[in-house]
Amino acid sequence: MADPVFATALETVGANPTRLWGLSMTERNHRIGATLGLGGTGTPVVLANATMAADAAWLAYVAARPGLILTLAGVPAIAHARDEHEAALLRDAMRGRTSPNEAERFTFQACEEGSAVENRALRKRERPFLMELRQDTRREVERASYFGAYKGVTDLLTKYLWPEWALWLTRLAAWLGISPNTVTMIGAVLCVAATIAFAYGHYWLGIALGLVFMVLDTVDGKLARCTIASSRLGNVLDHGLDLIHAPFWWWFWATGLAHVGLALSPALFWWVEGTVFACYLVQRAIEGAFIGWFGGIHIHVWERFDSNFRLITARRNPNMVILFVSVVFGRPDVGIVAVAVWTAVSCLVHLVRLGQALARKRRGRPVRSWLAEA
């Protein structure tokens, strides 16, 4: 979803006793409006029906289209009034759950027939959710908003193993009123504790602590998106922790081998750590270069192959799968060597893909995300 700034007001029409992620619809829409630059009073105005819960992408979509009425089961859900007369017509229609008078003034679009909307932040083209919010549908709506906050591309653990765990924890955090930044800080403590456990060769303890941290690393982002509570500080904390902690895990995993009688030889130790650190930095540089050279497109969303490779590429979570298997077989030393090899292979794949994209650009062919066209 783009981040436009509209000189347009936002108004929630009616009231709804059912809360979504602990928020009233008025408060939720206000938070969404603040992220989109919608707010204030007067006209033009985007009107949101309080009986409906909508993805932020729909509010942005309607805000960019004056005179549009987005309907759900024939009921006006979100509409863009160009003047006060249209706003009055739309308020009456939303409260009466019917089509507005002077319908010829407006353009209608049924949500059920709507096309996909590009969400640039989450790197995917999607059908945003728009659902009626009642007490008996609240959990279904929460589920739709939660899964709508998942990235189009991620690793295999985040995509397949713990979405349900993270959903349960996100609901718990919202119910307890815990902020996303608090979740991030709890995760940071666990991350440091896992690092210490690895350093002393307590691999099972470190894996357990790391697992909880990795799940919370999903929860904080989902909680922020679901409660519309993202902040600059939260982004810095979350992304900064993601960037710096993994190399320390691999370093202290290798040094911890001395405590279990499986220390690597000095030559192998420095080869492993040199490979891991160098390839980690090169991979990050490749990702940044791809974004800069190809109009903000992430390398992981260029073609279907890249999205599929993102499931297993040598990031923290896939690497932890390798290390977990190595501990199961009692060979954490083999595990860290395998991580170094896989990191080198992944780096080479990304380097080749960057070269292929540059070659395509030189031939005058566009480099576009396959998700934006799906």
Protein backbone atom coordinates (compact mmCIF):
# COMPACT_ATOMS: atom_id res chain seq x y z
CA MET A 1 0.00 0.00 0.00
CA ALA A 2 1.33 3.42 -0.88
CA ASP A 3 1.72 6.17 1.66
CA PRO A 4 -0.24 9.05 0.11
CA VAL A 5 -1.09 12.28 1.91
CA PHE A 6 -4.61 13.52 1.19
CA ALA A 7 -6.12 16.93 2.00
CA THR A 8 -9.24 15.02 2.96
CA ALA A 9 -11.15 14.58 6.19
CA LEU A 10 -12.15 11.23 7.67
CA GLU A 11 -15.38 10.52 9.53
CA THR A 12 -16.77 7.35 11.09
CA VAL A 13 -20.53 7.20 10.62
CA GLY A 14 -22.56 5.63 13.42
CA ALA A 15 -21.33 3.60 16.36
CA ASN A 16 -20.47 -0.03 16.96
CA PRO A 17 -20.28 -1.62 20.43
CA THR A 18 -18.01 -4.39 19.13
CA ARG A 19 -14.31 -3.62 19.41
CA LEU A 20 -11.60 -4.92 17.08
CA TRP A 21 -8.23 -5.66 18.68
CA GLY A 22 -9.48 -3.69 21.68
CA LEU A 23 -10.27 -0.59 19.59
CA SER A 24 -13.60 1.03 18.81
CA MET A 25 -14.17 1.56 15.10
CA THR A 26 -13.94 5.32 15.60
CA GLU A 27 -10.51 5.01 17.23
CA ARG A 28 -9.32 2.42 14.72
CA ASN A 29 -10.35 4.54 11.74
CA HIS A 30 -8.76 7.59 13.36
CA ARG A 31 -5.45 5.74 13.68
CA ILE A 32 -5.62 4.54 10.09
CA GLY A 33 -6.45 8.05 8.94
CA ALA A 34 -3.43 9.44 10.76
CA THR A 35 -1.13 7.03 8.88
CA LEU A 36 -2.68 8.07 5.54
CA GLY A 37 -2.86 11.81 6.13
CA LEU A 38 -6.66 11.74 6.45
CA GLY A 39 -8.27 13.77 9.20
CA GLY A 40 -9.84 17.00 10.30
CA THR A 41 -13.34 18.18 9.43
CA GLY A 42 -15.24 19.52 6.47
CA THR A 43 -15.15 18.28 2.90
CA PRO A 44 -13.97 16.48 0.90
CA VAL A 45 -14.40 13.67 3.39
CA VAL A 46 -14.01 9.91 3.46
CA LEU A 47 -16.92 8.35 5.34
CA ALA A 48 -16.47 4.94 6.99
CA ASN A 49 -19.46 2.91 8.13
CA ALA A 50 -18.94 1.97 11.81
CA THR A 51 -20.66 -1.37 11.29
CA MET A 52 -17.85 -2.42 8.93
CA ALA A 53 -14.19 -3.20 9.58
CA ALA A 54 -11.88 -2.45 6.67
CA ASP A 55 -8.23 -2.90 5.84
CA ALA A 56 -6.35 0.40 5.68
CA ALA A 57 -5.76 -0.26 1.97
CA TRP A 58 -9.46 0.24 1.28
CA LEU A 59 -9.52 3.64 3.00
CA ALA A 60 -6.52 4.73 0.93
CA TYR A 61 -8.15 3.34 -2.22
CA VAL A 62 -11.40 5.26 -1.70
CA ALA A 63 -9.60 8.42 -0.55
CA ALA A 64 -7.87 8.56 -3.94
CA ARG A 65 -11.21 8.32 -5.83
CA PRO A 66 -13.65 11.21 -5.17
CA GLY A 67 -17.28 10.21 -5.58
CA LEU A 68 -16.64 6.48 -5.09
CA ILE A 69 -18.84 4.34 -2.87
CA LEU A 70 -17.41 0.96 -1.85
CA THR A 71 -20.20 -1.40 -0.87
CA LEU A 72 -20.41 -4.70 0.97
CA ALA A 73 -23.52 -6.79 0.28
CA GLY A 74 -25.06 -3.64 -1.21
CA VAL A 75 -24.48 -1.53 1.92
CA PRO A 76 -22.22 1.55 1.66
CA ALA A 77 -19.08 0.73 3.61
CA ILE A 78 -16.61 3.48 2.66
CA ALA A 79 -17.38 6.50 0.49
CA HIS A 80 -15.71 9.70 -0.68
CA ALA A 81 -17.94 12.77 -0.55
CA ARG A 82 -16.81 15.82 -2.50
CA ASP A 83 -19.08 18.31 -0.72
CA GLU A 84 -21.34 18.54 2.30
CA HIS A 85 -24.47 17.68 0.32
CA GLU A 86 -22.94 14.38 -0.81
CA ALA A 87 -21.71 13.75 2.74
CA ALA A 88 -25.24 14.15 4.12
CA LEU A 89 -26.62 11.75 1.51
CA LEU A 90 -23.98 9.19 2.37
CA ARG A 91 -24.46 9.46 6.14
CA ASP A 92 -28.17 8.75 5.72
CA ALA A 93 -27.44 5.83 3.40
CA MET A 94 -24.91 4.26 5.80
CA ARG A 95 -27.22 4.61 8.79
CA GLY A 96 -30.14 3.23 6.77
CA ARG A 97 -28.02 0.49 5.16
CA THR A 98 -29.34 1.41 1.75
CA SER A 99 -28.26 3.08 -1.49
CA PRO A 100 -28.04 6.89 -1.22
CA ASN A 101 -30.51 9.27 -2.77
CA GLU A 102 -29.27 10.92 -5.95
CA ALA A 103 -27.26 7.79 -6.66
CA GLU A 104 -26.33 9.14 -10.08
CA ARG A 105 -23.87 11.51 -8.38
CA PHE A 106 -21.68 8.60 -7.32
CA THR A 107 -19.61 5.74 -8.72
CA PHE A 108 -20.30 2.37 -7.09
CA GLN A 109 -17.89 -0.51 -6.58
CA ALA A 110 -18.84 -3.74 -4.85
CA CYS A 111 -16.10 -5.05 -2.61
CA GLU A 112 -17.02 -8.58 -3.67
CA GLU A 113 -16.14 -7.70 -7.28
CA GLY A 114 -13.13 -5.51 -6.52
CA SER A 115 -9.71 -6.07 -8.02
CA ALA A 116 -6.57 -6.65 -6.04
CA VAL A 117 -4.80 -3.68 -4.48
CA GLU A 118 -1.03 -3.35 -4.33
CA ASN A 119 0.40 -3.25 -0.80
CA ARG A 120 3.96 -2.00 -1.26
CA ALA A 121 4.79 -2.13 2.46
CA LEU A 122 4.02 -5.86 2.62
CA ARG A 123 5.37 -6.56 -0.91
CA LYS A 124 2.24 -8.17 -2.29
CA ARG A 125 -0.88 -7.61 -4.34
CA GLU A 126 -3.90 -8.49 -2.27
CA ARG A 127 -7.64 -8.40 -1.81
CA PRO A 128 -7.92 -6.35 1.40
CA PHE A 129 -10.50 -7.47 3.90
CA LEU A 130 -13.80 -5.65 4.37
CA MET A 131 -16.23 -7.36 6.72
CA GLU A 132 -19.22 -6.61 8.88
CA LEU A 133 -18.12 -6.35 12.50
CA ARG A 134 -20.43 -7.90 15.06
CA GLN A 135 -19.74 -9.77 18.27
CA ASP A 136 -20.27 -13.10 16.51
CA THR A 137 -17.90 -12.13 13.65
CA ARG A 138 -15.20 -10.39 15.71
CA ARG A 139 -12.77 -13.32 15.83
CA GLU A 140 -13.21 -13.93 12.11
CA VAL A 141 -12.50 -10.26 11.38
CA GLU A 142 -9.46 -10.32 13.67
CA ARG A 143 -8.19 -13.34 11.84
CA ALA A 144 -8.65 -11.64 8.47
CA SER A 145 -6.84 -8.49 9.60
CA TYR A 146 -4.04 -10.53 11.18
CA PHE A 147 -3.32 -12.64 8.10
CA GLY A 148 -3.69 -9.55 5.94
CA ALA A 149 -0.68 -8.17 7.84
CA TYR A 150 1.57 -11.03 6.67
CA LYS A 151 4.19 -10.26 4.06
CA GLY A 152 3.80 -11.74 0.64
CA VAL A 153 7.27 -13.29 0.96
CA THR A 154 8.98 -14.57 4.08
CA ASP A 155 10.79 -17.62 5.41
CA LEU A 156 9.29 -21.07 5.79
CA LEU A 157 8.97 -20.93 9.60
CA THR A 158 7.19 -17.59 9.63
CA LYS A 159 4.92 -18.65 6.79
CA TYR A 160 4.07 -22.20 7.82
CA LEU A 161 5.06 -23.03 11.41
CA TRP A 162 3.94 -20.33 13.77
CA PRO A 163 1.23 -18.09 12.26
CA GLU A 164 -1.33 -19.64 14.62
CA TRP A 165 0.99 -19.30 17.64
CA ALA A 166 1.63 -15.66 16.79
CA LEU A 167 -2.11 -15.02 16.26
CA TRP A 168 -2.88 -16.32 19.75
CA LEU A 169 -0.11 -14.20 21.27
CA THR A 170 -1.17 -11.12 19.29
CA ARG A 171 -4.71 -11.48 20.61
CA LEU A 172 -3.39 -11.91 24.15
CA ALA A 173 -1.15 -8.84 23.88
CA ALA A 174 -4.01 -6.72 22.49
CA TRP A 175 -6.35 -7.93 25.27
CA LEU A 176 -3.74 -7.11 27.94
CA GLY A 177 -3.01 -3.73 26.37
CA ILE A 178 0.67 -4.58 25.77
CA SER A 179 2.31 -2.28 23.22
CA PRO A 180 4.29 -3.58 20.23
CA ASN A 181 7.43 -1.91 21.59
CA THR A 182 7.05 -3.81 24.86
CA VAL A 183 6.84 -7.07 22.91
CA THR A 184 10.00 -6.05 21.03
CA MET A 185 11.85 -5.37 24.29
CA ILE A 186 10.79 -8.71 25.79
CA GLY A 187 12.04 -10.37 22.63
CA ALA A 188 15.34 -8.47 22.88
CA VAL A 189 15.91 -9.84 26.39
CA LEU A 190 15.26 -13.37 25.16
CA CYS A 191 17.56 -12.80 22.18
CA VAL A 192 20.43 -11.80 24.48
CA ALA A 193 19.68 -14.75 26.79
CA ALA A 194 19.82 -17.14 23.81
CA THR A 195 23.18 -15.65 22.78
CA ILE A 196 24.59 -16.30 26.27
CA ALA A 197 23.24 -19.86 26.23
CA PHE A 198 24.94 -20.54 22.90
CA ALA A 199 28.20 -19.09 24.21
CA TYR A 200 28.28 -21.69 27.00
CA GLY A 201 27.24 -24.59 24.81
CA HIS A 202 23.69 -24.80 26.20
CA TYR A 203 22.26 -25.35 22.76
CA TRP A 204 18.85 -26.74 23.67
CA LEU A 205 18.23 -23.84 26.08
CA GLY A 206 19.42 -21.35 23.48
CA ILE A 207 17.18 -22.85 20.81
CA ALA A 208 14.18 -22.71 23.17
CA LEU A 209 14.85 -19.06 24.07
CA GLY A 210 15.54 -18.25 20.45
CA LEU A 211 12.30 -19.88 19.33
CA VAL A 212 10.23 -17.72 21.67
CA PHE A 213 12.14 -14.66 20.52
CA MET A 214 11.58 -15.53 16.85
CA VAL A 215 7.83 -15.91 17.41
CA LEU A 216 7.71 -12.60 19.29
CA ASP A 217 9.62 -11.05 16.38
CA THR A 218 6.52 -11.85 14.33
CA VAL A 219 4.07 -10.81 17.05
CA ASP A 220 5.36 -7.26 17.52
CA GLY A 221 4.94 -6.41 13.84
CA LYS A 222 1.51 -8.01 13.58
CA LEU A 223 0.35 -6.32 16.78
CA ALA A 224 1.53 -2.96 15.47
CA ARG A 225 -0.32 -3.42 12.17
CA CYS A 226 -3.49 -4.88 13.68
CA THR A 227 -3.79 -2.15 16.33
CA ILE A 228 -2.50 0.55 13.95
CA ALA A 229 0.24 1.34 16.46
CA SER A 230 3.38 1.37 14.33
CA SER A 231 5.95 3.97 15.36
CA ARG A 232 9.32 5.15 14.15
CA LEU A 233 10.93 3.99 17.40
CA GLY A 234 9.31 0.57 17.05
CA ASN A 235 10.59 0.20 13.49
CA VAL A 236 14.12 1.18 14.55
CA LEU A 237 14.09 -1.25 17.49
CA ASP A 238 12.62 -4.14 15.52
CA HIS A 239 14.66 -3.75 12.33
CA GLY A 240 17.83 -2.85 14.20
CA LEU A 241 17.61 -5.98 16.34
CA ASP A 242 16.93 -8.09 13.25
CA LEU A 243 19.99 -6.68 11.51
CA ILE A 244 22.58 -7.13 14.24
CA HIS A 245 21.73 -10.16 16.37
CA ALA A 246 22.05 -13.10 13.95
CA PRO A 247 25.83 -12.83 13.32
CA PHE A 248 26.37 -12.83 17.10
CA TRP A 249 24.33 -16.03 17.39
CA TRP A 250 26.53 -17.75 14.82
CA TRP A 251 29.73 -16.48 16.47
CA PHE A 252 28.81 -17.63 19.97
CA TRP A 253 27.40 -20.92 18.66
CA ALA A 254 30.87 -21.61 17.27
CA THR A 255 32.74 -20.52 20.42
CA GLY A 256 30.33 -22.51 22.60
CA LEU A 257 31.44 -25.74 20.92
CA ALA A 258 34.48 -25.74 23.22
CA HIS A 259 32.17 -26.34 26.19
CA VAL A 260 30.81 -29.57 24.67
CA GLY A 261 34.10 -30.97 23.42
CA LEU A 262 33.46 -30.19 19.74
CA ALA A 263 35.59 -27.10 19.21
CA LEU A 264 36.45 -26.29 15.63
CA SER A 265 40.08 -26.05 14.62
CA PRO A 266 41.33 -22.44 14.46
CA ALA A 267 41.50 -22.57 10.66
CA LEU A 268 37.97 -23.96 10.31
CA PHE A 269 36.61 -21.55 12.95
CA TRP A 270 37.87 -18.49 11.08
CA TRP A 271 36.73 -19.88 7.72
CA VAL A 272 33.23 -20.43 9.11
CA GLU A 273 32.95 -17.04 10.79
CA GLY A 274 34.60 -15.18 7.92
CA THR A 275 32.23 -16.78 5.44
CA VAL A 276 29.15 -16.13 7.55
CA PHE A 277 29.98 -12.50 8.26
CA ALA A 278 31.23 -11.63 4.78
CA CYS A 279 28.33 -13.28 2.95
CA TYR A 280 25.81 -11.80 5.39
CA LEU A 281 27.10 -8.30 4.61
CA VAL A 282 27.24 -8.96 0.87
CA GLN A 283 23.67 -10.33 0.85
CA ARG A 284 22.40 -7.24 2.65
CA ALA A 285 24.31 -5.03 0.20
CA ILE A 286 22.79 -6.91 -2.75
CA GLU A 287 19.29 -6.42 -1.33
CA GLY A 288 19.91 -2.71 -0.86
CA ALA A 289 21.39 -2.32 -4.33
CA PHE A 290 18.44 -4.09 -5.91
CA ILE A 291 16.01 -1.74 -4.17
CA GLY A 292 18.02 1.30 -5.21
CA TRP A 293 18.60 0.29 -8.82
CA PHE A 294 15.15 -1.06 -9.63
CA GLY A 295 12.70 1.46 -8.24
CA GLY A 296 12.19 0.12 -4.74
CA ILE A 297 11.57 -3.50 -5.73
CA HIS A 298 12.94 -6.07 -3.28
CA ILE A 299 15.02 -8.84 -4.82
CA HIS A 300 12.77 -11.37 -3.07
CA VAL A 301 9.71 -10.28 -5.05
CA TRP A 302 11.21 -9.94 -8.51
CA GLU A 303 10.18 -13.31 -9.93
CA ARG A 304 8.45 -16.34 -8.49
CA PHE A 305 11.81 -18.12 -8.08
CA ASP A 306 13.04 -15.31 -5.80
CA SER A 307 9.95 -15.51 -3.58
CA ASN A 308 10.29 -19.28 -3.33
CA PHE A 309 14.01 -19.02 -2.57
CA ARG A 310 13.22 -16.51 0.21
CA LEU A 311 11.57 -19.41 2.08
CA ILE A 312 14.93 -21.09 2.58
CA THR A 313 17.60 -18.47 1.94
CA ALA A 314 20.27 -18.14 4.62
CA ARG A 315 18.48 -15.81 6.99
CA ARG A 316 18.14 -16.44 10.71
CA ASN A 317 15.11 -18.73 10.69
CA PRO A 318 16.22 -21.18 7.96
CA ASN A 319 19.68 -21.25 9.55
CA MET A 320 18.13 -22.14 12.89
CA VAL A 321 16.42 -25.12 11.23
CA ILE A 322 19.87 -26.35 10.15
CA LEU A 323 21.26 -25.86 13.66
CA PHE A 324 18.26 -27.53 15.31
CA VAL A 325 18.73 -30.63 13.16
CA SER A 326 22.44 -30.67 14.01
CA VAL A 327 21.70 -30.62 17.75
CA VAL A 328 19.14 -33.42 17.34
CA PHE A 329 21.96 -35.54 15.94
CA GLY A 330 24.43 -34.34 18.57
CA ARG A 331 26.67 -32.49 16.08
CA PRO A 332 26.28 -28.73 16.62
CA ASP A 333 29.76 -28.37 15.09
CA VAL A 334 28.56 -29.78 11.77
CA GLY A 335 25.53 -27.47 12.03
CA ILE A 336 27.51 -24.24 12.12
CA VAL A 337 29.70 -25.41 9.22
CA ALA A 338 26.54 -26.19 7.26
CA VAL A 339 25.22 -22.70 8.03
CA ALA A 340 28.42 -21.19 6.60
CA VAL A 341 28.13 -23.29 3.44
CA TRP A 342 24.45 -22.45 2.95
CA THR A 343 25.13 -18.76 3.56
CA ALA A 344 27.77 -18.81 0.81
CA VAL A 345 25.41 -20.61 -1.58
CA SER A 346 22.59 -18.17 -0.86
CA CYS A 347 24.90 -15.21 -1.38
CA LEU A 348 26.00 -16.60 -4.74
CA VAL A 349 22.37 -17.10 -5.83
CA HIS A 350 21.52 -13.50 -4.95
CA LEU A 351 24.61 -12.22 -6.75
CA VAL A 352 23.63 -14.13 -9.89
CA ARG A 353 20.06 -12.80 -9.67
CA LEU A 354 21.33 -9.23 -9.32
CA GLY A 355 23.47 -9.73 -12.43
CA GLN A 356 20.51 -11.14 -14.35
CA ALA A 357 18.34 -8.17 -13.37
CA LEU A 358 21.03 -5.72 -14.51
CA ALA A 359 21.34 -7.57 -17.81
CA ARG A 360 17.59 -7.35 -18.32
CA LYS A 361 17.64 -3.62 -17.58
CA ARG A 362 20.47 -3.07 -20.08
CA ARG A 363 18.37 -4.80 -22.76
CA GLY A 364 15.61 -2.28 -22.08
CA ARG A 365 13.27 -4.77 -20.44
CA PRO A 366 11.45 -3.74 -17.25
CA VAL A 367 12.23 -5.31 -13.89
CA ARG A 368 8.90 -5.62 -12.07
CA SER A 369 7.61 -7.62 -9.14
CA TRP A 370 5.63 -10.69 -10.14
CA LEU A 371 3.41 -10.13 -7.08
CA ALA A 372 2.29 -6.75 -8.37
CA GLU A 373 1.13 -8.44 -11.56
CA ALA A 374 -0.36 -11.59 -10.02
